[in-house]
Amino acid sequence: MKEVRIAVDARPLTAKGATGVENVGRLFLNALPIGSFPARWFFYSSQPATDGWSGKVFWRSYKGPAFLRLIVPFWLLRDRIDGVFFYLSYVPPLTRWTSAKTLVTVCDVMWLDRPDFLDPPSRKFIFRGVLPSLRHRTDHFIAISNATASELKTKLAVPDQKISVVAPYPDPIFRPKEKAAEAVQQLYGIEGPFFLCVGVAKPNKNVGAILTAFERLRSQHSEATLVWAGYTLPFWEPVKRLEKGGQGVRYLGYVPKEHLPILYSACQALLSPALKEGFGLPLLEAMACGSAVLAGDEGAQREVVGSAGLLVNPYDEDAIFQAMKELWLNKDLRDDLRKKAVERAAHFTKEQTTEQLRAALQKALRGESERRA
């Protein structure tokens, strides 16, 4: 393949307080086959270049209004771009005035069936911006799991040849930490064993069922503690319950990324019996840190966890409670799952992601993905 010109939406590299979508975007950017793929790379961002990228790519930055809507399409024309990779599932309309093939990362499309999973401020953009973009302005889809790829085919009728599955990997900072319990006590004043939840508290995370099951556990084991780390969107009653805290419930809010390996390593188990996940990055991070995990048997969670954790019906509150109780009381089970978790996480590597991205770029740029009408 002759050298091509590829542009990338590089904003995740400079994002502050990143959440799931930005975290996946950052992992993919760091795994791009730069140096081994016949391309000239252009990184577009709203911030100046970060350390380590100077000399490897041509970096353009603009901090102002209409970054995606006007500035990026102008740069695509100016730089004669052959392909552009967006970490969001959104392609600006004016991009279609250029000759660039468009690739987007799709974390999930669960909102097609469950718009109630979306917070009201995001709902308008998703249905008026993202959905038309996926239907009419996307040449190639990078799905972060087989479950998401399947939903693109069944819910949006995307042909198989337009989809590549690229799995995230755990950032190298996610490794088991020694003396984690002592560090958690110093950082957050949390003493004794605790369950952990990580991520933005939204309906798909099954916040209400987790809190209800934990209340039952707490009524039998008064020493039990539940810690939630992540932003909240206070549009739903279960989330408001979480924010208020309660007996044994500690809501930490957003925590720095470097604190997460300590929390994962110290907890009894990560609780994530989600109603639906496009992937479930906290599950992979926790397993890489040697944490036992409890996940929902829906969406991509089985793909991530495999047999290395407990999987439950997320719609069955009693099943969630029973699994919590078993994890709280059974040290042998936790130790077995911790060992399996580390082994399972080792299957998700940066090298694998790089090869999957390379294949996706080749597939899209050689024209196998025809433009949508």
Protein backbone atom coordinates (compact mmCIF):
# COMPACT_ATOMS: atom_id res chain seq x y z
CA MET A 1 0.00 0.00 0.00
CA LYS A 2 1.36 3.44 -0.95
CA GLU A 3 1.76 6.02 1.78
CA VAL A 4 -1.55 7.56 2.69
CA ARG A 5 -2.49 10.55 4.84
CA ILE A 6 -4.47 9.71 7.96
CA ALA A 7 -6.01 12.21 10.36
CA VAL A 8 -7.01 11.33 13.90
CA ASP A 9 -9.24 13.09 16.44
CA ALA A 10 -6.58 13.23 19.17
CA ARG A 11 -8.55 15.01 21.91
CA PRO A 12 -8.55 11.99 24.29
CA LEU A 13 -4.78 12.40 24.69
CA THR A 14 -5.31 15.76 26.41
CA ALA A 15 -8.72 15.17 28.03
CA LYS A 16 -9.02 15.98 31.73
CA GLY A 17 -11.28 13.85 33.90
CA ALA A 18 -11.68 11.28 31.13
CA THR A 19 -14.50 8.74 31.30
CA GLY A 20 -15.11 5.51 29.40
CA VAL A 21 -15.30 6.79 25.81
CA GLU A 22 -12.26 9.04 26.22
CA ASN A 23 -10.33 6.25 27.96
CA VAL A 24 -10.99 3.86 25.07
CA GLY A 25 -10.01 6.64 22.66
CA ARG A 26 -6.71 7.19 24.48
CA LEU A 27 -5.90 3.47 24.47
CA PHE A 28 -6.56 3.24 20.72
CA LEU A 29 -4.48 6.33 19.97
CA ASN A 30 -1.54 4.91 21.89
CA ALA A 31 -1.88 1.62 20.01
CA LEU A 32 -1.98 3.07 16.48
CA PRO A 33 0.61 1.42 14.20
CA ILE A 34 2.60 4.64 13.80
CA GLY A 35 6.00 3.91 12.33
CA SER A 36 5.00 0.55 10.90
CA PHE A 37 2.00 1.57 8.80
CA PRO A 38 2.68 3.32 5.46
CA ALA A 39 1.01 6.59 6.37
CA ARG A 40 1.65 10.18 7.29
CA TRP A 41 -0.22 10.93 10.49
CA PHE A 42 -2.06 14.13 11.36
CA PHE A 43 -3.38 14.55 14.92
CA TYR A 44 -6.17 17.10 15.40
CA SER A 45 -6.86 18.39 18.89
CA SER A 46 -8.17 21.32 20.88
CA GLN A 47 -4.92 21.37 22.90
CA PRO A 48 -1.20 21.57 22.05
CA ALA A 49 0.75 18.35 21.55
CA THR A 50 1.45 16.21 24.61
CA ASP A 51 4.88 14.86 25.48
CA GLY A 52 6.06 11.98 23.34
CA TRP A 53 4.18 12.83 20.16
CA SER A 54 6.37 15.60 18.72
CA GLY A 55 8.23 14.31 15.69
CA LYS A 56 6.03 11.25 15.32
CA VAL A 57 2.96 13.02 13.92
CA PHE A 58 1.94 16.38 12.51
CA TRP A 59 -0.12 17.95 15.29
CA ARG A 60 -2.73 20.67 14.68
CA SER A 61 -4.54 22.34 17.54
CA TYR A 62 -7.35 24.85 17.81
CA LYS A 63 -9.02 25.91 21.03
CA GLY A 64 -12.24 27.62 20.14
CA PRO A 65 -15.79 27.12 18.86
CA ALA A 66 -16.87 24.80 16.05
CA PHE A 67 -13.82 22.50 16.35
CA LEU A 68 -15.56 19.46 14.86
CA ARG A 69 -18.21 21.25 12.83
CA LEU A 70 -15.93 23.60 10.85
CA ILE A 71 -12.24 23.41 11.79
CA VAL A 72 -11.70 19.67 11.31
CA PRO A 73 -13.34 19.55 7.84
CA PHE A 74 -11.19 22.53 6.79
CA TRP A 75 -8.03 20.75 8.00
CA LEU A 76 -9.06 17.58 6.14
CA LEU A 77 -9.17 19.54 2.89
CA ARG A 78 -5.98 21.46 3.61
CA ASP A 79 -4.01 18.34 4.53
CA ARG A 80 -5.41 16.24 1.63
CA ILE A 81 -6.46 13.49 4.05
CA ASP A 82 -7.28 10.01 2.72
CA GLY A 83 -8.83 8.69 5.94
CA VAL A 84 -9.99 10.22 9.21
CA PHE A 85 -10.50 8.33 12.48
CA PHE A 86 -12.95 9.73 15.05
CA TYR A 87 -12.93 8.34 18.60
CA LEU A 88 -16.60 9.36 18.95
CA SER A 89 -19.40 7.79 16.92
CA TYR A 90 -19.86 11.12 15.15
CA VAL A 91 -18.71 12.46 11.80
CA PRO A 92 -19.22 16.21 11.16
CA PRO A 93 -21.54 16.77 8.15
CA LEU A 94 -19.00 18.91 6.28
CA THR A 95 -16.58 15.99 6.28
CA ARG A 96 -18.57 14.65 3.35
CA TRP A 97 -17.28 17.58 1.29
CA THR A 98 -13.84 16.00 1.48
CA SER A 99 -12.53 12.80 -0.09
CA ALA A 100 -11.52 11.29 3.27
CA LYS A 101 -12.84 7.87 4.21
CA THR A 102 -14.39 8.06 7.68
CA LEU A 103 -13.75 5.60 10.51
CA VAL A 104 -15.46 5.86 13.89
CA THR A 105 -15.17 4.02 17.17
CA VAL A 106 -18.51 2.64 18.36
CA CYS A 107 -18.54 1.80 22.05
CA ASP A 108 -22.21 0.82 22.11
CA VAL A 109 -25.62 1.44 20.56
CA MET A 110 -27.65 0.28 23.55
CA TRP A 111 -29.48 3.60 23.46
CA LEU A 112 -31.37 2.52 20.34
CA ASP A 113 -33.47 0.18 22.49
CA ARG A 114 -33.04 2.01 25.78
CA PRO A 115 -33.09 5.80 25.30
CA ASP A 116 -33.77 6.02 29.03
CA PHE A 117 -30.12 5.04 29.55
CA LEU A 118 -29.16 8.47 28.18
CA ASP A 119 -29.11 11.60 30.28
CA PRO A 120 -31.52 14.25 28.92
CA PRO A 121 -28.78 16.70 27.79
CA SER A 122 -27.12 13.98 25.68
CA ARG A 123 -30.29 12.53 24.18
CA LYS A 124 -30.78 15.25 21.56
CA PHE A 125 -27.18 15.04 20.31
CA ILE A 126 -27.29 11.24 20.16
CA PHE A 127 -30.47 11.00 18.11
CA ARG A 128 -30.00 14.11 15.97
CA GLY A 129 -26.23 13.93 15.60
CA VAL A 130 -24.78 10.49 16.27
CA LEU A 131 -27.54 8.38 14.74
CA PRO A 132 -27.60 10.19 11.35
CA SER A 133 -23.80 10.11 11.37
CA LEU A 134 -23.74 6.34 11.82
CA ARG A 135 -26.38 5.85 9.15
CA HIS A 136 -25.11 8.22 6.46
CA ARG A 137 -21.59 9.55 7.12
CA THR A 138 -19.55 6.56 8.33
CA ASP A 139 -17.49 4.42 5.96
CA HIS A 140 -16.06 2.00 8.50
CA PHE A 141 -17.08 1.06 12.03
CA ILE A 142 -14.62 0.05 14.74
CA ALA A 143 -16.66 -1.87 17.32
CA ILE A 144 -14.99 -2.41 20.69
CA SER A 145 -16.59 -5.84 21.19
CA ASN A 146 -18.30 -8.61 19.27
CA ALA A 147 -21.50 -7.71 21.10
CA THR A 148 -21.36 -4.15 19.76
CA ALA A 149 -20.53 -5.42 16.27
CA SER A 150 -23.56 -7.71 16.39
CA GLU A 151 -25.83 -4.84 17.38
CA LEU A 152 -24.51 -2.67 14.54
CA LYS A 153 -25.53 -5.44 12.13
CA THR A 154 -28.94 -6.17 13.63
CA LYS A 155 -30.06 -2.69 14.70
CA LEU A 156 -28.50 -0.48 12.02
CA ALA A 157 -28.14 -3.04 9.19
CA VAL A 158 -24.41 -2.33 8.84
CA PRO A 159 -22.81 -4.89 6.49
CA ASP A 160 -20.21 -7.16 8.01
CA GLN A 161 -17.47 -5.87 5.69
CA LYS A 162 -17.87 -2.37 7.11
CA ILE A 163 -17.14 -3.49 10.68
CA SER A 164 -13.86 -4.29 12.44
CA VAL A 165 -13.73 -5.46 16.04
CA VAL A 166 -10.91 -3.85 18.00
CA ALA A 167 -10.69 -4.73 21.69
CA PRO A 168 -9.26 -2.35 24.29
CA TYR A 169 -6.45 -3.44 26.59
CA PRO A 170 -5.57 -2.53 30.17
CA ASP A 171 -3.32 0.50 30.53
CA PRO A 172 0.08 -0.59 31.94
CA ILE A 173 -0.63 1.20 35.25
CA PHE A 174 -3.25 -1.45 36.05
CA ARG A 175 -1.25 -4.05 37.91
CA PRO A 176 -1.61 -5.52 41.41
CA LYS A 177 -0.39 -3.08 44.05
CA GLU A 178 1.25 -4.04 47.32
CA LYS A 179 -0.01 -2.51 50.58
CA ALA A 180 -3.08 -1.28 48.72
CA ALA A 181 -5.34 -1.40 51.78
CA GLU A 182 -3.01 0.90 53.70
CA ALA A 183 -2.88 3.31 50.77
CA VAL A 184 -6.69 3.39 50.48
CA GLN A 185 -6.95 4.19 54.18
CA GLN A 186 -4.46 7.04 53.83
CA LEU A 187 -6.08 8.45 50.68
CA TYR A 188 -9.76 8.06 51.51
CA GLY A 189 -10.03 7.06 55.15
CA ILE A 190 -11.60 3.71 54.24
CA GLU A 191 -10.80 1.06 56.83
CA GLY A 192 -11.45 -2.63 56.46
CA PRO A 193 -12.73 -4.65 53.50
CA PHE A 194 -15.00 -3.09 50.89
CA PHE A 195 -16.73 -3.72 47.60
CA LEU A 196 -15.93 -1.34 44.75
CA CYS A 197 -17.92 0.07 41.83
CA VAL A 198 -16.20 2.19 39.17
CA GLY A 199 -17.68 4.28 36.39
CA VAL A 200 -20.22 6.96 35.64
CA ALA A 201 -23.36 6.15 37.62
CA LYS A 202 -26.02 5.75 34.91
CA PRO A 203 -29.04 3.45 34.54
CA ASN A 204 -27.18 0.82 32.50
CA LYS A 205 -24.82 0.39 35.47
CA ASN A 206 -27.75 -1.02 37.47
CA VAL A 207 -27.20 1.40 40.35
CA GLY A 208 -30.54 0.72 42.04
CA ALA A 209 -30.15 -3.06 42.07
CA ILE A 210 -26.59 -2.80 43.40
CA LEU A 211 -27.68 -0.52 46.25
CA THR A 212 -30.68 -2.69 47.12
CA ALA A 213 -28.61 -5.88 47.15
CA PHE A 214 -25.94 -4.19 49.25
CA GLU A 215 -28.53 -3.00 51.77
CA ARG A 216 -29.58 -6.64 52.23
CA LEU A 217 -25.95 -7.67 52.70
CA ARG A 218 -25.38 -4.84 55.15
CA SER A 219 -28.40 -5.90 57.22
CA GLN A 220 -26.69 -9.25 57.77
CA HIS A 221 -23.07 -8.06 57.88
CA SER A 222 -22.83 -4.63 59.43
CA GLU A 223 -19.12 -4.34 58.63
CA ALA A 224 -19.76 -4.37 54.86
CA THR A 225 -18.78 -1.25 52.91
CA LEU A 226 -19.57 -0.25 49.34
CA VAL A 227 -17.37 2.34 47.61
CA TRP A 228 -18.34 3.99 44.31
CA ALA A 229 -15.71 5.87 42.29
CA GLY A 230 -16.90 7.88 39.30
CA TYR A 231 -19.01 10.77 38.17
CA THR A 232 -22.74 10.83 38.74
CA LEU A 233 -25.47 12.19 36.49
CA PRO A 234 -28.26 13.10 38.92
CA PHE A 235 -31.18 12.54 36.55
CA TRP A 236 -32.34 9.25 38.04
CA GLU A 237 -33.57 8.33 41.53
CA PRO A 238 -31.09 5.45 42.12
CA VAL A 239 -28.22 7.82 41.35
CA LYS A 240 -29.58 10.34 43.84
CA ARG A 241 -29.65 7.51 46.41
CA LEU A 242 -26.00 6.85 45.70
CA GLU A 243 -25.04 10.50 46.08
CA LYS A 244 -26.73 10.64 49.48
CA GLY A 245 -24.68 7.69 50.66
CA GLY A 246 -26.12 5.61 53.45
CA GLN A 247 -25.15 2.92 55.88
CA GLY A 248 -21.85 1.57 54.61
CA VAL A 249 -22.00 3.42 51.27
CA ARG A 250 -19.13 5.76 50.34
CA TYR A 251 -19.45 7.85 47.20
CA LEU A 252 -16.01 9.18 46.24
CA GLY A 253 -16.89 10.99 43.04
CA TYR A 254 -14.29 11.10 40.30
CA VAL A 255 -10.91 9.77 41.42
CA PRO A 256 -7.54 10.26 39.68
CA LYS A 257 -6.58 7.49 37.31
CA GLU A 258 -3.47 6.68 39.35
CA HIS A 259 -5.65 5.88 42.39
CA LEU A 260 -7.70 3.24 40.59
CA PRO A 261 -5.07 0.43 40.68
CA ILE A 262 -4.87 0.91 44.45
CA LEU A 263 -8.65 0.72 44.86
CA TYR A 264 -8.90 -2.30 42.55
CA SER A 265 -6.10 -4.12 44.38
CA ALA A 266 -7.56 -3.43 47.83
CA CYS A 267 -11.22 -4.25 47.26
CA GLN A 268 -12.92 -7.55 48.04
CA ALA A 269 -14.36 -7.48 44.52
CA LEU A 270 -15.41 -5.11 41.77
CA LEU A 271 -19.20 -5.08 41.43
CA SER A 272 -20.41 -4.40 37.90
CA PRO A 273 -23.62 -6.36 37.22
CA ALA A 274 -24.57 -3.96 34.44
CA LEU A 275 -27.76 -4.22 32.44
CA LYS A 276 -25.70 -3.63 29.31
CA GLU A 277 -22.11 -2.76 28.41
CA GLY A 278 -20.43 -2.09 25.11
CA PHE A 279 -17.25 -3.52 26.64
CA GLY A 280 -16.79 -2.84 30.36
CA LEU A 281 -13.32 -1.32 30.71
CA PRO A 282 -13.39 -1.22 34.55
CA LEU A 283 -13.85 -4.99 34.53
CA LEU A 284 -10.66 -5.43 32.52
CA GLU A 285 -8.76 -2.89 34.62
CA ALA A 286 -9.85 -4.59 37.84
CA MET A 287 -8.87 -8.06 36.60
CA ALA A 288 -5.45 -6.76 35.54
CA CYS A 289 -5.02 -5.59 39.15
CA GLY A 290 -5.97 -9.03 40.48
CA SER A 291 -9.46 -8.17 41.66
CA ALA A 292 -12.33 -10.62 41.81
CA VAL A 293 -15.21 -9.34 39.66
CA LEU A 294 -18.97 -9.67 39.60
CA ALA A 295 -20.49 -8.82 36.21
CA GLY A 296 -23.81 -8.98 34.44
CA ASP A 297 -24.42 -11.75 31.94
CA GLU A 298 -25.48 -9.23 29.28
CA GLY A 299 -23.84 -7.38 26.41
CA ALA A 300 -20.07 -7.64 26.15
CA GLN A 301 -19.43 -8.47 29.80
CA ARG A 302 -19.13 -12.21 29.16
CA GLU A 303 -16.58 -11.48 26.40
CA VAL A 304 -14.42 -9.56 28.85
CA VAL A 305 -14.78 -11.72 31.96
CA GLY A 306 -15.08 -15.19 30.48
CA SER A 307 -14.88 -17.76 33.28
CA ALA A 308 -12.64 -15.53 35.42
CA GLY A 309 -15.46 -13.89 37.37
CA LEU A 310 -19.01 -14.34 38.60
CA LEU A 311 -21.70 -13.63 36.01
CA VAL A 312 -25.30 -13.04 37.12
CA ASN A 313 -28.61 -12.09 35.58
CA PRO A 314 -28.52 -8.31 36.14
CA TYR A 315 -32.32 -8.16 36.26
CA ASP A 316 -32.42 -10.57 39.21
CA GLU A 317 -31.74 -8.59 42.40
CA ASP A 318 -31.71 -11.73 44.51
CA ALA A 319 -29.04 -13.29 42.29
CA ILE A 320 -26.95 -10.14 42.68
CA PHE A 321 -27.37 -10.27 46.46
CA GLN A 322 -26.44 -13.97 46.64
CA ALA A 323 -23.31 -13.37 44.53
CA MET A 324 -22.35 -10.39 46.72
CA LYS A 325 -22.80 -12.46 49.86
CA GLU A 326 -20.69 -15.30 48.48
CA LEU A 327 -17.91 -12.92 47.52
CA TRP A 328 -18.03 -11.20 50.92
CA LEU A 329 -17.81 -14.40 52.93
CA ASN A 330 -15.81 -16.83 50.78
CA LYS A 331 -12.11 -15.98 50.80
CA ASP A 332 -11.20 -19.12 48.85
CA LEU A 333 -13.54 -18.04 46.06
CA ARG A 334 -12.07 -14.55 46.00
CA ASP A 335 -8.51 -15.90 45.89
CA ASP A 336 -9.39 -18.26 43.03
CA LEU A 337 -11.05 -15.48 41.05
CA ARG A 338 -8.13 -13.13 41.64
CA LYS A 339 -5.74 -15.63 40.09
CA LYS A 340 -8.04 -16.27 37.14
CA ALA A 341 -8.60 -12.54 36.67
CA VAL A 342 -4.92 -11.76 36.12
CA GLU A 343 -4.63 -14.64 33.66
CA ARG A 344 -7.73 -13.50 31.78
CA ALA A 345 -6.64 -9.87 31.57
CA ALA A 346 -3.31 -10.94 30.07
CA HIS A 347 -5.18 -12.01 26.91
CA PHE A 348 -6.00 -8.36 26.14
CA THR A 349 -2.77 -6.80 24.92
CA LYS A 350 -1.69 -3.57 23.30
CA GLU A 351 0.00 -5.59 20.55
CA GLN A 352 -3.30 -7.29 19.71
CA THR A 353 -5.08 -3.93 19.58
CA THR A 354 -2.38 -2.52 17.29
CA GLU A 355 -2.78 -5.41 14.85
CA GLN A 356 -6.57 -5.08 14.91
CA LEU A 357 -6.30 -1.34 14.22
CA ARG A 358 -3.85 -2.00 11.40
CA ALA A 359 -6.28 -4.44 9.79
CA ALA A 360 -9.19 -2.02 10.21
CA LEU A 361 -7.28 0.83 8.58
CA GLN A 362 -6.20 -1.35 5.67
CA LYS A 363 -9.73 -2.62 5.17
CA ALA A 364 -11.23 0.86 5.17
CA LEU A 365 -8.60 2.63 3.09
CA ARG A 366 -8.38 0.11 0.27
CA GLY A 367 -12.03 0.75 -0.49
CA GLU A 368 -13.77 -2.36 0.82
CA SER A 369 -16.07 -0.02 2.74
CA GLU A 370 -18.03 1.87 0.13
CA ARG A 371 -19.55 5.17 1.07
CA ARG A 372 -23.13 5.22 2.17
CA ALA A 373 -25.55 7.06 -0.04
